[in-house]
Amino acid sequence: CECGFEECRPTKPYEFILIDYWVIH
């Protein structure tokens, strides 16, 4: 149901996400 990639910046705030599926990073 989802795919993605990200190259984060040092200043990126934390993520806080409630989801109804399984996500593997």
PDBML (XML) file of the C-alpha atoms, coordinates in Angstrom:
<?xml version="1.0" encoding="UTF-8" ?>
<PDBx:datablock datablockName="MODEL"
   xmlns:PDBx="http://pdbml.pdb.org/schema/pdbx-v50.xsd"
   xmlns:xsi="http://www.w3.org/2001/XMLSchema-instance"
   xsi:schemaLocation="http://pdbml.pdb.org/schema/pdbx-v50.xsd pdbx-v50.xsd">
   <PDBx:atom_siteCategory>
      <PDBx:atom_site id="1">
         <PDBx:B_iso_or_equiv>0.00</PDBx:B_iso_or_equiv>
         <PDBx:Cartn_x>0.000</PDBx:Cartn_x>
         <PDBx:Cartn_y>0.000</PDBx:Cartn_y>
         <PDBx:Cartn_z>0.000</PDBx:Cartn_z>
         <PDBx:auth_asym_id>A</PDBx:auth_asym_id>
         <PDBx:auth_atom_id>CA</PDBx:auth_atom_id>
         <PDBx:auth_comp_id>CYS</PDBx:auth_comp_id>
         <PDBx:auth_seq_id>1</PDBx:auth_seq_id>
         <PDBx:group_PDB>ATOM</PDBx:group_PDB>
         <PDBx:label_alt_id xsi:nil="true" />
         <PDBx:label_asym_id>A</PDBx:label_asym_id>
         <PDBx:label_atom_id>CA</PDBx:label_atom_id>
         <PDBx:label_comp_id>CYS</PDBx:label_comp_id>
         <PDBx:label_entity_id>1</PDBx:label_entity_id>
         <PDBx:label_seq_id>1</PDBx:label_seq_id>
         <PDBx:occupancy>1.00</PDBx:occupancy>
         <PDBx:pdbx_PDB_model_num>1</PDBx:pdbx_PDB_model_num>
         <PDBx:type_symbol>C</PDBx:type_symbol>
      </PDBx:atom_site>
      <PDBx:atom_site id="2">
         <PDBx:B_iso_or_equiv>0.00</PDBx:B_iso_or_equiv>
         <PDBx:Cartn_x>2.974</PDBx:Cartn_x>
         <PDBx:Cartn_y>2.369</PDBx:Cartn_y>
         <PDBx:Cartn_z>0.278</PDBx:Cartn_z>
         <PDBx:auth_asym_id>A</PDBx:auth_asym_id>
         <PDBx:auth_atom_id>CA</PDBx:auth_atom_id>
         <PDBx:auth_comp_id>GLU</PDBx:auth_comp_id>
         <PDBx:auth_seq_id>2</PDBx:auth_seq_id>
         <PDBx:group_PDB>ATOM</PDBx:group_PDB>
         <PDBx:label_alt_id xsi:nil="true" />
         <PDBx:label_asym_id>A</PDBx:label_asym_id>
         <PDBx:label_atom_id>CA</PDBx:label_atom_id>
         <PDBx:label_comp_id>GLU</PDBx:label_comp_id>
         <PDBx:label_entity_id>1</PDBx:label_entity_id>
         <PDBx:label_seq_id>2</PDBx:label_seq_id>
         <PDBx:occupancy>1.00</PDBx:occupancy>
         <PDBx:pdbx_PDB_model_num>1</PDBx:pdbx_PDB_model_num>
         <PDBx:type_symbol>C</PDBx:type_symbol>
      </PDBx:atom_site>
      <PDBx:atom_site id="3">
         <PDBx:B_iso_or_equiv>0.00</PDBx:B_iso_or_equiv>
         <PDBx:Cartn_x>6.579</PDBx:Cartn_x>
         <PDBx:Cartn_y>2.818</PDBx:Cartn_y>
         <PDBx:Cartn_z>-0.851</PDBx:Cartn_z>
         <PDBx:auth_asym_id>A</PDBx:auth_asym_id>
         <PDBx:auth_atom_id>CA</PDBx:auth_atom_id>
         <PDBx:auth_comp_id>CYS</PDBx:auth_comp_id>
         <PDBx:auth_seq_id>3</PDBx:auth_seq_id>
         <PDBx:group_PDB>ATOM</PDBx:group_PDB>
         <PDBx:label_alt_id xsi:nil="true" />
         <PDBx:label_asym_id>A</PDBx:label_asym_id>
         <PDBx:label_atom_id>CA</PDBx:label_atom_id>
         <PDBx:label_comp_id>CYS</PDBx:label_comp_id>
         <PDBx:label_entity_id>1</PDBx:label_entity_id>
         <PDBx:label_seq_id>3</PDBx:label_seq_id>
         <PDBx:occupancy>1.00</PDBx:occupancy>
         <PDBx:pdbx_PDB_model_num>1</PDBx:pdbx_PDB_model_num>
         <PDBx:type_symbol>C</PDBx:type_symbol>
      </PDBx:atom_site>
      <PDBx:atom_site id="4">
         <PDBx:B_iso_or_equiv>0.00</PDBx:B_iso_or_equiv>
         <PDBx:Cartn_x>8.986</PDBx:Cartn_x>
         <PDBx:Cartn_y>5.660</PDBx:Cartn_y>
         <PDBx:Cartn_z>-0.296</PDBx:Cartn_z>
         <PDBx:auth_asym_id>A</PDBx:auth_asym_id>
         <PDBx:auth_atom_id>CA</PDBx:auth_atom_id>
         <PDBx:auth_comp_id>GLY</PDBx:auth_comp_id>
         <PDBx:auth_seq_id>4</PDBx:auth_seq_id>
         <PDBx:group_PDB>ATOM</PDBx:group_PDB>
         <PDBx:label_alt_id xsi:nil="true" />
         <PDBx:label_asym_id>A</PDBx:label_asym_id>
         <PDBx:label_atom_id>CA</PDBx:label_atom_id>
         <PDBx:label_comp_id>GLY</PDBx:label_comp_id>
         <PDBx:label_entity_id>1</PDBx:label_entity_id>
         <PDBx:label_seq_id>4</PDBx:label_seq_id>
         <PDBx:occupancy>1.00</PDBx:occupancy>
         <PDBx:pdbx_PDB_model_num>1</PDBx:pdbx_PDB_model_num>
         <PDBx:type_symbol>C</PDBx:type_symbol>
      </PDBx:atom_site>
      <PDBx:atom_site id="5">
         <PDBx:B_iso_or_equiv>0.00</PDBx:B_iso_or_equiv>
         <PDBx:Cartn_x>12.444</PDBx:Cartn_x>
         <PDBx:Cartn_y>7.033</PDBx:Cartn_y>
         <PDBx:Cartn_z>0.284</PDBx:Cartn_z>
         <PDBx:auth_asym_id>A</PDBx:auth_asym_id>
         <PDBx:auth_atom_id>CA</PDBx:auth_atom_id>
         <PDBx:auth_comp_id>PHE</PDBx:auth_comp_id>
         <PDBx:auth_seq_id>5</PDBx:auth_seq_id>
         <PDBx:group_PDB>ATOM</PDBx:group_PDB>
         <PDBx:label_alt_id xsi:nil="true" />
         <PDBx:label_asym_id>A</PDBx:label_asym_id>
         <PDBx:label_atom_id>CA</PDBx:label_atom_id>
         <PDBx:label_comp_id>PHE</PDBx:label_comp_id>
         <PDBx:label_entity_id>1</PDBx:label_entity_id>
         <PDBx:label_seq_id>5</PDBx:label_seq_id>
         <PDBx:occupancy>1.00</PDBx:occupancy>
         <PDBx:pdbx_PDB_model_num>1</PDBx:pdbx_PDB_model_num>
         <PDBx:type_symbol>C</PDBx:type_symbol>
      </PDBx:atom_site>
      <PDBx:atom_site id="6">
         <PDBx:B_iso_or_equiv>0.00</PDBx:B_iso_or_equiv>
         <PDBx:Cartn_x>13.824</PDBx:Cartn_x>
         <PDBx:Cartn_y>10.074</PDBx:Cartn_y>
         <PDBx:Cartn_z>2.072</PDBx:Cartn_z>
         <PDBx:auth_asym_id>A</PDBx:auth_asym_id>
         <PDBx:auth_atom_id>CA</PDBx:auth_atom_id>
         <PDBx:auth_comp_id>GLU</PDBx:auth_comp_id>
         <PDBx:auth_seq_id>6</PDBx:auth_seq_id>
         <PDBx:group_PDB>ATOM</PDBx:group_PDB>
         <PDBx:label_alt_id xsi:nil="true" />
         <PDBx:label_asym_id>A</PDBx:label_asym_id>
         <PDBx:label_atom_id>CA</PDBx:label_atom_id>
         <PDBx:label_comp_id>GLU</PDBx:label_comp_id>
         <PDBx:label_entity_id>1</PDBx:label_entity_id>
         <PDBx:label_seq_id>6</PDBx:label_seq_id>
         <PDBx:occupancy>1.00</PDBx:occupancy>
         <PDBx:pdbx_PDB_model_num>1</PDBx:pdbx_PDB_model_num>
         <PDBx:type_symbol>C</PDBx:type_symbol>
      </PDBx:atom_site>
      <PDBx:atom_site id="7">
         <PDBx:B_iso_or_equiv>0.00</PDBx:B_iso_or_equiv>
         <PDBx:Cartn_x>17.169</PDBx:Cartn_x>
         <PDBx:Cartn_y>11.741</PDBx:Cartn_y>
         <PDBx:Cartn_z>2.613</PDBx:Cartn_z>
         <PDBx:auth_asym_id>A</PDBx:auth_asym_id>
         <PDBx:auth_atom_id>CA</PDBx:auth_atom_id>
         <PDBx:auth_comp_id>GLU</PDBx:auth_comp_id>
         <PDBx:auth_seq_id>7</PDBx:auth_seq_id>
         <PDBx:group_PDB>ATOM</PDBx:group_PDB>
         <PDBx:label_alt_id xsi:nil="true" />
         <PDBx:label_asym_id>A</PDBx:label_asym_id>
         <PDBx:label_atom_id>CA</PDBx:label_atom_id>
         <PDBx:label_comp_id>GLU</PDBx:label_comp_id>
         <PDBx:label_entity_id>1</PDBx:label_entity_id>
         <PDBx:label_seq_id>7</PDBx:label_seq_id>
         <PDBx:occupancy>1.00</PDBx:occupancy>
         <PDBx:pdbx_PDB_model_num>1</PDBx:pdbx_PDB_model_num>
         <PDBx:type_symbol>C</PDBx:type_symbol>
      </PDBx:atom_site>
      <PDBx:atom_site id="8">
         <PDBx:B_iso_or_equiv>0.00</PDBx:B_iso_or_equiv>
         <PDBx:Cartn_x>16.580</PDBx:Cartn_x>
         <PDBx:Cartn_y>13.706</PDBx:Cartn_y>
         <PDBx:Cartn_z>5.792</PDBx:Cartn_z>
         <PDBx:auth_asym_id>A</PDBx:auth_asym_id>
         <PDBx:auth_atom_id>CA</PDBx:auth_atom_id>
         <PDBx:auth_comp_id>CYS</PDBx:auth_comp_id>
         <PDBx:auth_seq_id>8</PDBx:auth_seq_id>
         <PDBx:group_PDB>ATOM</PDBx:group_PDB>
         <PDBx:label_alt_id xsi:nil="true" />
         <PDBx:label_asym_id>A</PDBx:label_asym_id>
         <PDBx:label_atom_id>CA</PDBx:label_atom_id>
         <PDBx:label_comp_id>CYS</PDBx:label_comp_id>
         <PDBx:label_entity_id>1</PDBx:label_entity_id>
         <PDBx:label_seq_id>8</PDBx:label_seq_id>
         <PDBx:occupancy>1.00</PDBx:occupancy>
         <PDBx:pdbx_PDB_model_num>1</PDBx:pdbx_PDB_model_num>
         <PDBx:type_symbol>C</PDBx:type_symbol>
      </PDBx:atom_site>
      <PDBx:atom_site id="9">
         <PDBx:B_iso_or_equiv>0.00</PDBx:B_iso_or_equiv>
         <PDBx:Cartn_x>17.945</PDBx:Cartn_x>
         <PDBx:Cartn_y>17.095</PDBx:Cartn_y>
         <PDBx:Cartn_z>6.745</PDBx:Cartn_z>
         <PDBx:auth_asym_id>A</PDBx:auth_asym_id>
         <PDBx:auth_atom_id>CA</PDBx:auth_atom_id>
         <PDBx:auth_comp_id>ARG</PDBx:auth_comp_id>
         <PDBx:auth_seq_id>9</PDBx:auth_seq_id>
         <PDBx:group_PDB>ATOM</PDBx:group_PDB>
         <PDBx:label_alt_id xsi:nil="true" />
         <PDBx:label_asym_id>A</PDBx:label_asym_id>
         <PDBx:label_atom_id>CA</PDBx:label_atom_id>
         <PDBx:label_comp_id>ARG</PDBx:label_comp_id>
         <PDBx:label_entity_id>1</PDBx:label_entity_id>
         <PDBx:label_seq_id>9</PDBx:label_seq_id>
         <PDBx:occupancy>1.00</PDBx:occupancy>
         <PDBx:pdbx_PDB_model_num>1</PDBx:pdbx_PDB_model_num>
         <PDBx:type_symbol>C</PDBx:type_symbol>
      </PDBx:atom_site>
      <PDBx:atom_site id="10">
         <PDBx:B_iso_or_equiv>0.00</PDBx:B_iso_or_equiv>
         <PDBx:Cartn_x>19.567</PDBx:Cartn_x>
         <PDBx:Cartn_y>17.435</PDBx:Cartn_y>
         <PDBx:Cartn_z>10.199</PDBx:Cartn_z>
         <PDBx:auth_asym_id>A</PDBx:auth_asym_id>
         <PDBx:auth_atom_id>CA</PDBx:auth_atom_id>
         <PDBx:auth_comp_id>PRO</PDBx:auth_comp_id>
         <PDBx:auth_seq_id>10</PDBx:auth_seq_id>
         <PDBx:group_PDB>ATOM</PDBx:group_PDB>
         <PDBx:label_alt_id xsi:nil="true" />
         <PDBx:label_asym_id>A</PDBx:label_asym_id>
         <PDBx:label_atom_id>CA</PDBx:label_atom_id>
         <PDBx:label_comp_id>PRO</PDBx:label_comp_id>
         <PDBx:label_entity_id>1</PDBx:label_entity_id>
         <PDBx:label_seq_id>10</PDBx:label_seq_id>
         <PDBx:occupancy>1.00</PDBx:occupancy>
         <PDBx:pdbx_PDB_model_num>1</PDBx:pdbx_PDB_model_num>
         <PDBx:type_symbol>C</PDBx:type_symbol>
      </PDBx:atom_site>
      <PDBx:atom_site id="11">
         <PDBx:B_iso_or_equiv>0.00</PDBx:B_iso_or_equiv>
         <PDBx:Cartn_x>16.823</PDBx:Cartn_x>
         <PDBx:Cartn_y>19.831</PDBx:Cartn_y>
         <PDBx:Cartn_z>11.292</PDBx:Cartn_z>
         <PDBx:auth_asym_id>A</PDBx:auth_asym_id>
         <PDBx:auth_atom_id>CA</PDBx:auth_atom_id>
         <PDBx:auth_comp_id>THR</PDBx:auth_comp_id>
         <PDBx:auth_seq_id>11</PDBx:auth_seq_id>
         <PDBx:group_PDB>ATOM</PDBx:group_PDB>
         <PDBx:label_alt_id xsi:nil="true" />
         <PDBx:label_asym_id>A</PDBx:label_asym_id>
         <PDBx:label_atom_id>CA</PDBx:label_atom_id>
         <PDBx:label_comp_id>THR</PDBx:label_comp_id>
         <PDBx:label_entity_id>1</PDBx:label_entity_id>
         <PDBx:label_seq_id>11</PDBx:label_seq_id>
         <PDBx:occupancy>1.00</PDBx:occupancy>
         <PDBx:pdbx_PDB_model_num>1</PDBx:pdbx_PDB_model_num>
         <PDBx:type_symbol>C</PDBx:type_symbol>
      </PDBx:atom_site>
      <PDBx:atom_site id="12">
         <PDBx:B_iso_or_equiv>0.00</PDBx:B_iso_or_equiv>
         <PDBx:Cartn_x>13.879</PDBx:Cartn_x>
         <PDBx:Cartn_y>17.614</PDBx:Cartn_y>
         <PDBx:Cartn_z>10.322</PDBx:Cartn_z>
         <PDBx:auth_asym_id>A</PDBx:auth_asym_id>
         <PDBx:auth_atom_id>CA</PDBx:auth_atom_id>
         <PDBx:auth_comp_id>LYS</PDBx:auth_comp_id>
         <PDBx:auth_seq_id>12</PDBx:auth_seq_id>
         <PDBx:group_PDB>ATOM</PDBx:group_PDB>
         <PDBx:label_alt_id xsi:nil="true" />
         <PDBx:label_asym_id>A</PDBx:label_asym_id>
         <PDBx:label_atom_id>CA</PDBx:label_atom_id>
         <PDBx:label_comp_id>LYS</PDBx:label_comp_id>
         <PDBx:label_entity_id>1</PDBx:label_entity_id>
         <PDBx:label_seq_id>12</PDBx:label_seq_id>
         <PDBx:occupancy>1.00</PDBx:occupancy>
         <PDBx:pdbx_PDB_model_num>1</PDBx:pdbx_PDB_model_num>
         <PDBx:type_symbol>C</PDBx:type_symbol>
      </PDBx:atom_site>
      <PDBx:atom_site id="13">
         <PDBx:B_iso_or_equiv>0.00</PDBx:B_iso_or_equiv>
         <PDBx:Cartn_x>11.452</PDBx:Cartn_x>
         <PDBx:Cartn_y>17.283</PDBx:Cartn_y>
         <PDBx:Cartn_z>13.280</PDBx:Cartn_z>
         <PDBx:auth_asym_id>A</PDBx:auth_asym_id>
         <PDBx:auth_atom_id>CA</PDBx:auth_atom_id>
         <PDBx:auth_comp_id>PRO</PDBx:auth_comp_id>
         <PDBx:auth_seq_id>13</PDBx:auth_seq_id>
         <PDBx:group_PDB>ATOM</PDBx:group_PDB>
         <PDBx:label_alt_id xsi:nil="true" />
         <PDBx:label_asym_id>A</PDBx:label_asym_id>
         <PDBx:label_atom_id>CA</PDBx:label_atom_id>
         <PDBx:label_comp_id>PRO</PDBx:label_comp_id>
         <PDBx:label_entity_id>1</PDBx:label_entity_id>
         <PDBx:label_seq_id>13</PDBx:label_seq_id>
         <PDBx:occupancy>1.00</PDBx:occupancy>
         <PDBx:pdbx_PDB_model_num>1</PDBx:pdbx_PDB_model_num>
         <PDBx:type_symbol>C</PDBx:type_symbol>
      </PDBx:atom_site>
      <PDBx:atom_site id="14">
         <PDBx:B_iso_or_equiv>0.00</PDBx:B_iso_or_equiv>
         <PDBx:Cartn_x>10.411</PDBx:Cartn_x>
         <PDBx:Cartn_y>13.896</PDBx:Cartn_y>
         <PDBx:Cartn_z>14.556</PDBx:Cartn_z>
         <PDBx:auth_asym_id>A</PDBx:auth_asym_id>
         <PDBx:auth_atom_id>CA</PDBx:auth_atom_id>
         <PDBx:auth_comp_id>TYR</PDBx:auth_comp_id>
         <PDBx:auth_seq_id>14</PDBx:auth_seq_id>
         <PDBx:group_PDB>ATOM</PDBx:group_PDB>
         <PDBx:label_alt_id xsi:nil="true" />
         <PDBx:label_asym_id>A</PDBx:label_asym_id>
         <PDBx:label_atom_id>CA</PDBx:label_atom_id>
         <PDBx:label_comp_id>TYR</PDBx:label_comp_id>
         <PDBx:label_entity_id>1</PDBx:label_entity_id>
         <PDBx:label_seq_id>14</PDBx:label_seq_id>
         <PDBx:occupancy>1.00</PDBx:occupancy>
         <PDBx:pdbx_PDB_model_num>1</PDBx:pdbx_PDB_model_num>
         <PDBx:type_symbol>C</PDBx:type_symbol>
      </PDBx:atom_site>
      <PDBx:atom_site id="15">
         <PDBx:B_iso_or_equiv>0.00</PDBx:B_iso_or_equiv>
         <PDBx:Cartn_x>7.586</PDBx:Cartn_x>
         <PDBx:Cartn_y>12.003</PDBx:Cartn_y>
         <PDBx:Cartn_z>12.902</PDBx:Cartn_z>
         <PDBx:auth_asym_id>A</PDBx:auth_asym_id>
         <PDBx:auth_atom_id>CA</PDBx:auth_atom_id>
         <PDBx:auth_comp_id>GLU</PDBx:auth_comp_id>
         <PDBx:auth_seq_id>15</PDBx:auth_seq_id>
         <PDBx:group_PDB>ATOM</PDBx:group_PDB>
         <PDBx:label_alt_id xsi:nil="true" />
         <PDBx:label_asym_id>A</PDBx:label_asym_id>
         <PDBx:label_atom_id>CA</PDBx:label_atom_id>
         <PDBx:label_comp_id>GLU</PDBx:label_comp_id>
         <PDBx:label_entity_id>1</PDBx:label_entity_id>
         <PDBx:label_seq_id>15</PDBx:label_seq_id>
         <PDBx:occupancy>1.00</PDBx:occupancy>
         <PDBx:pdbx_PDB_model_num>1</PDBx:pdbx_PDB_model_num>
         <PDBx:type_symbol>C</PDBx:type_symbol>
      </PDBx:atom_site>
      <PDBx:atom_site id="16">
         <PDBx:B_iso_or_equiv>0.00</PDBx:B_iso_or_equiv>
         <PDBx:Cartn_x>4.566</PDBx:Cartn_x>
         <PDBx:Cartn_y>10.850</PDBx:Cartn_y>
         <PDBx:Cartn_z>14.894</PDBx:Cartn_z>
         <PDBx:auth_asym_id>A</PDBx:auth_asym_id>
         <PDBx:auth_atom_id>CA</PDBx:auth_atom_id>
         <PDBx:auth_comp_id>PHE</PDBx:auth_comp_id>
         <PDBx:auth_seq_id>16</PDBx:auth_seq_id>
         <PDBx:group_PDB>ATOM</PDBx:group_PDB>
         <PDBx:label_alt_id xsi:nil="true" />
         <PDBx:label_asym_id>A</PDBx:label_asym_id>
         <PDBx:label_atom_id>CA</PDBx:label_atom_id>
         <PDBx:label_comp_id>PHE</PDBx:label_comp_id>
         <PDBx:label_entity_id>1</PDBx:label_entity_id>
         <PDBx:label_seq_id>16</PDBx:label_seq_id>
         <PDBx:occupancy>1.00</PDBx:occupancy>
         <PDBx:pdbx_PDB_model_num>1</PDBx:pdbx_PDB_model_num>
         <PDBx:type_symbol>C</PDBx:type_symbol>
      </PDBx:atom_site>
      <PDBx:atom_site id="17">
         <PDBx:B_iso_or_equiv>0.00</PDBx:B_iso_or_equiv>
         <PDBx:Cartn_x>2.166</PDBx:Cartn_x>
         <PDBx:Cartn_y>8.818</PDBx:Cartn_y>
         <PDBx:Cartn_z>12.796</PDBx:Cartn_z>
         <PDBx:auth_asym_id>A</PDBx:auth_asym_id>
         <PDBx:auth_atom_id>CA</PDBx:auth_atom_id>
         <PDBx:auth_comp_id>ILE</PDBx:auth_comp_id>
         <PDBx:auth_seq_id>17</PDBx:auth_seq_id>
         <PDBx:group_PDB>ATOM</PDBx:group_PDB>
         <PDBx:label_alt_id xsi:nil="true" />
         <PDBx:label_asym_id>A</PDBx:label_asym_id>
         <PDBx:label_atom_id>CA</PDBx:label_atom_id>
         <PDBx:label_comp_id>ILE</PDBx:label_comp_id>
         <PDBx:label_entity_id>1</PDBx:label_entity_id>
         <PDBx:label_seq_id>17</PDBx:label_seq_id>
         <PDBx:occupancy>1.00</PDBx:occupancy>
         <PDBx:pdbx_PDB_model_num>1</PDBx:pdbx_PDB_model_num>
         <PDBx:type_symbol>C</PDBx:type_symbol>
      </PDBx:atom_site>
      <PDBx:atom_site id="18">
         <PDBx:B_iso_or_equiv>0.00</PDBx:B_iso_or_equiv>
         <PDBx:Cartn_x>-0.595</PDBx:Cartn_x>
         <PDBx:Cartn_y>6.392</PDBx:Cartn_y>
         <PDBx:Cartn_z>13.699</PDBx:Cartn_z>
         <PDBx:auth_asym_id>A</PDBx:auth_asym_id>
         <PDBx:auth_atom_id>CA</PDBx:auth_atom_id>
         <PDBx:auth_comp_id>LEU</PDBx:auth_comp_id>
         <PDBx:auth_seq_id>18</PDBx:auth_seq_id>
         <PDBx:group_PDB>ATOM</PDBx:group_PDB>
         <PDBx:label_alt_id xsi:nil="true" />
         <PDBx:label_asym_id>A</PDBx:label_asym_id>
         <PDBx:label_atom_id>CA</PDBx:label_atom_id>
         <PDBx:label_comp_id>LEU</PDBx:label_comp_id>
         <PDBx:label_entity_id>1</PDBx:label_entity_id>
         <PDBx:label_seq_id>18</PDBx:label_seq_id>
         <PDBx:occupancy>1.00</PDBx:occupancy>
         <PDBx:pdbx_PDB_model_num>1</PDBx:pdbx_PDB_model_num>
         <PDBx:type_symbol>C</PDBx:type_symbol>
      </PDBx:atom_site>
      <PDBx:atom_site id="19">
         <PDBx:B_iso_or_equiv>0.00</PDBx:B_iso_or_equiv>
         <PDBx:Cartn_x>-1.245</PDBx:Cartn_x>
         <PDBx:Cartn_y>4.032</PDBx:Cartn_y>
         <PDBx:Cartn_z>10.792</PDBx:Cartn_z>
         <PDBx:auth_asym_id>A</PDBx:auth_asym_id>
         <PDBx:auth_atom_id>CA</PDBx:auth_atom_id>
         <PDBx:auth_comp_id>ILE</PDBx:auth_comp_id>
         <PDBx:auth_seq_id>19</PDBx:auth_seq_id>
         <PDBx:group_PDB>ATOM</PDBx:group_PDB>
         <PDBx:label_alt_id xsi:nil="true" />
         <PDBx:label_asym_id>A</PDBx:label_asym_id>
         <PDBx:label_atom_id>CA</PDBx:label_atom_id>
         <PDBx:label_comp_id>ILE</PDBx:label_comp_id>
         <PDBx:label_entity_id>1</PDBx:label_entity_id>
         <PDBx:label_seq_id>19</PDBx:label_seq_id>
         <PDBx:occupancy>1.00</PDBx:occupancy>
         <PDBx:pdbx_PDB_model_num>1</PDBx:pdbx_PDB_model_num>
         <PDBx:type_symbol>C</PDBx:type_symbol>
      </PDBx:atom_site>
      <PDBx:atom_site id="20">
         <PDBx:B_iso_or_equiv>0.00</PDBx:B_iso_or_equiv>
         <PDBx:Cartn_x>-3.466</PDBx:Cartn_x>
         <PDBx:Cartn_y>1.019</PDBx:Cartn_y>
         <PDBx:Cartn_z>10.166</PDBx:Cartn_z>
         <PDBx:auth_asym_id>A</PDBx:auth_asym_id>
         <PDBx:auth_atom_id>CA</PDBx:auth_atom_id>
         <PDBx:auth_comp_id>ASP</PDBx:auth_comp_id>
         <PDBx:auth_seq_id>20</PDBx:auth_seq_id>
         <PDBx:group_PDB>ATOM</PDBx:group_PDB>
         <PDBx:label_alt_id xsi:nil="true" />
         <PDBx:label_asym_id>A</PDBx:label_asym_id>
         <PDBx:label_atom_id>CA</PDBx:label_atom_id>
         <PDBx:label_comp_id>ASP</PDBx:label_comp_id>
         <PDBx:label_entity_id>1</PDBx:label_entity_id>
         <PDBx:label_seq_id>20</PDBx:label_seq_id>
         <PDBx:occupancy>1.00</PDBx:occupancy>
         <PDBx:pdbx_PDB_model_num>1</PDBx:pdbx_PDB_model_num>
         <PDBx:type_symbol>C</PDBx:type_symbol>
      </PDBx:atom_site>
      <PDBx:atom_site id="21">
         <PDBx:B_iso_or_equiv>0.00</PDBx:B_iso_or_equiv>
         <PDBx:Cartn_x>-0.878</PDBx:Cartn_x>
         <PDBx:Cartn_y>-1.027</PDBx:Cartn_y>
         <PDBx:Cartn_z>8.262</PDBx:Cartn_z>
         <PDBx:auth_asym_id>A</PDBx:auth_asym_id>
         <PDBx:auth_atom_id>CA</PDBx:auth_atom_id>
         <PDBx:auth_comp_id>TYR</PDBx:auth_comp_id>
         <PDBx:auth_seq_id>21</PDBx:auth_seq_id>
         <PDBx:group_PDB>ATOM</PDBx:group_PDB>
         <PDBx:label_alt_id xsi:nil="true" />
         <PDBx:label_asym_id>A</PDBx:label_asym_id>
         <PDBx:label_atom_id>CA</PDBx:label_atom_id>
         <PDBx:label_comp_id>TYR</PDBx:label_comp_id>
         <PDBx:label_entity_id>1</PDBx:label_entity_id>
         <PDBx:label_seq_id>21</PDBx:label_seq_id>
         <PDBx:occupancy>1.00</PDBx:occupancy>
         <PDBx:pdbx_PDB_model_num>1</PDBx:pdbx_PDB_model_num>
         <PDBx:type_symbol>C</PDBx:type_symbol>
      </PDBx:atom_site>
      <PDBx:atom_site id="22">
         <PDBx:B_iso_or_equiv>0.00</PDBx:B_iso_or_equiv>
         <PDBx:Cartn_x>2.671</PDBx:Cartn_x>
         <PDBx:Cartn_y>-2.385</PDBx:Cartn_y>
         <PDBx:Cartn_z>8.716</PDBx:Cartn_z>
         <PDBx:auth_asym_id>A</PDBx:auth_asym_id>
         <PDBx:auth_atom_id>CA</PDBx:auth_atom_id>
         <PDBx:auth_comp_id>TRP</PDBx:auth_comp_id>
         <PDBx:auth_seq_id>22</PDBx:auth_seq_id>
         <PDBx:group_PDB>ATOM</PDBx:group_PDB>
         <PDBx:label_alt_id xsi:nil="true" />
         <PDBx:label_asym_id>A</PDBx:label_asym_id>
         <PDBx:label_atom_id>CA</PDBx:label_atom_id>
         <PDBx:label_comp_id>TRP</PDBx:label_comp_id>
         <PDBx:label_entity_id>1</PDBx:label_entity_id>
         <PDBx:label_seq_id>22</PDBx:label_seq_id>
         <PDBx:occupancy>1.00</PDBx:occupancy>
         <PDBx:pdbx_PDB_model_num>1</PDBx:pdbx_PDB_model_num>
         <PDBx:type_symbol>C</PDBx:type_symbol>
      </PDBx:atom_site>
      <PDBx:atom_site id="23">
         <PDBx:B_iso_or_equiv>0.00</PDBx:B_iso_or_equiv>
         <PDBx:Cartn_x>5.646</PDBx:Cartn_x>
         <PDBx:Cartn_y>-0.273</PDBx:Cartn_y>
         <PDBx:Cartn_z>7.617</PDBx:Cartn_z>
         <PDBx:auth_asym_id>A</PDBx:auth_asym_id>
         <PDBx:auth_atom_id>CA</PDBx:auth_atom_id>
         <PDBx:auth_comp_id>VAL</PDBx:auth_comp_id>
         <PDBx:auth_seq_id>23</PDBx:auth_seq_id>
         <PDBx:group_PDB>ATOM</PDBx:group_PDB>
         <PDBx:label_alt_id xsi:nil="true" />
         <PDBx:label_asym_id>A</PDBx:label_asym_id>
         <PDBx:label_atom_id>CA</PDBx:label_atom_id>
         <PDBx:label_comp_id>VAL</PDBx:label_comp_id>
         <PDBx:label_entity_id>1</PDBx:label_entity_id>
         <PDBx:label_seq_id>23</PDBx:label_seq_id>
         <PDBx:occupancy>1.00</PDBx:occupancy>
         <PDBx:pdbx_PDB_model_num>1</PDBx:pdbx_PDB_model_num>
         <PDBx:type_symbol>C</PDBx:type_symbol>
      </PDBx:atom_site>
      <PDBx:atom_site id="24">
         <PDBx:B_iso_or_equiv>0.00</PDBx:B_iso_or_equiv>
         <PDBx:Cartn_x>9.213</PDBx:Cartn_x>
         <PDBx:Cartn_y>-1.571</PDBx:Cartn_y>
         <PDBx:Cartn_z>7.291</PDBx:Cartn_z>
         <PDBx:auth_asym_id>A</PDBx:auth_asym_id>
         <PDBx:auth_atom_id>CA</PDBx:auth_atom_id>
         <PDBx:auth_comp_id>ILE</PDBx:auth_comp_id>
         <PDBx:auth_seq_id>24</PDBx:auth_seq_id>
         <PDBx:group_PDB>ATOM</PDBx:group_PDB>
         <PDBx:label_alt_id xsi:nil="true" />
         <PDBx:label_asym_id>A</PDBx:label_asym_id>
         <PDBx:label_atom_id>CA</PDBx:label_atom_id>
         <PDBx:label_comp_id>ILE</PDBx:label_comp_id>
         <PDBx:label_entity_id>1</PDBx:label_entity_id>
         <PDBx:label_seq_id>24</PDBx:label_seq_id>
         <PDBx:occupancy>1.00</PDBx:occupancy>
         <PDBx:pdbx_PDB_model_num>1</PDBx:pdbx_PDB_model_num>
         <PDBx:type_symbol>C</PDBx:type_symbol>
      </PDBx:atom_site>
      <PDBx:atom_site id="25">
         <PDBx:B_iso_or_equiv>0.00</PDBx:B_iso_or_equiv>
         <PDBx:Cartn_x>12.000</PDBx:Cartn_x>
         <PDBx:Cartn_y>1.017</PDBx:Cartn_y>
         <PDBx:Cartn_z>7.114</PDBx:Cartn_z>
         <PDBx:auth_asym_id>A</PDBx:auth_asym_id>
         <PDBx:auth_atom_id>CA</PDBx:auth_atom_id>
         <PDBx:auth_comp_id>HIS</PDBx:auth_comp_id>
         <PDBx:auth_seq_id>25</PDBx:auth_seq_id>
         <PDBx:group_PDB>ATOM</PDBx:group_PDB>
         <PDBx:label_alt_id xsi:nil="true" />
         <PDBx:label_asym_id>A</PDBx:label_asym_id>
         <PDBx:label_atom_id>CA</PDBx:label_atom_id>
         <PDBx:label_comp_id>HIS</PDBx:label_comp_id>
         <PDBx:label_entity_id>1</PDBx:label_entity_id>
         <PDBx:label_seq_id>25</PDBx:label_seq_id>
         <PDBx:occupancy>1.00</PDBx:occupancy>
         <PDBx:pdbx_PDB_model_num>1</PDBx:pdbx_PDB_model_num>
         <PDBx:type_symbol>C</PDBx:type_symbol>
      </PDBx:atom_site>
   </PDBx:atom_siteCategory>
</PDBx:datablock>
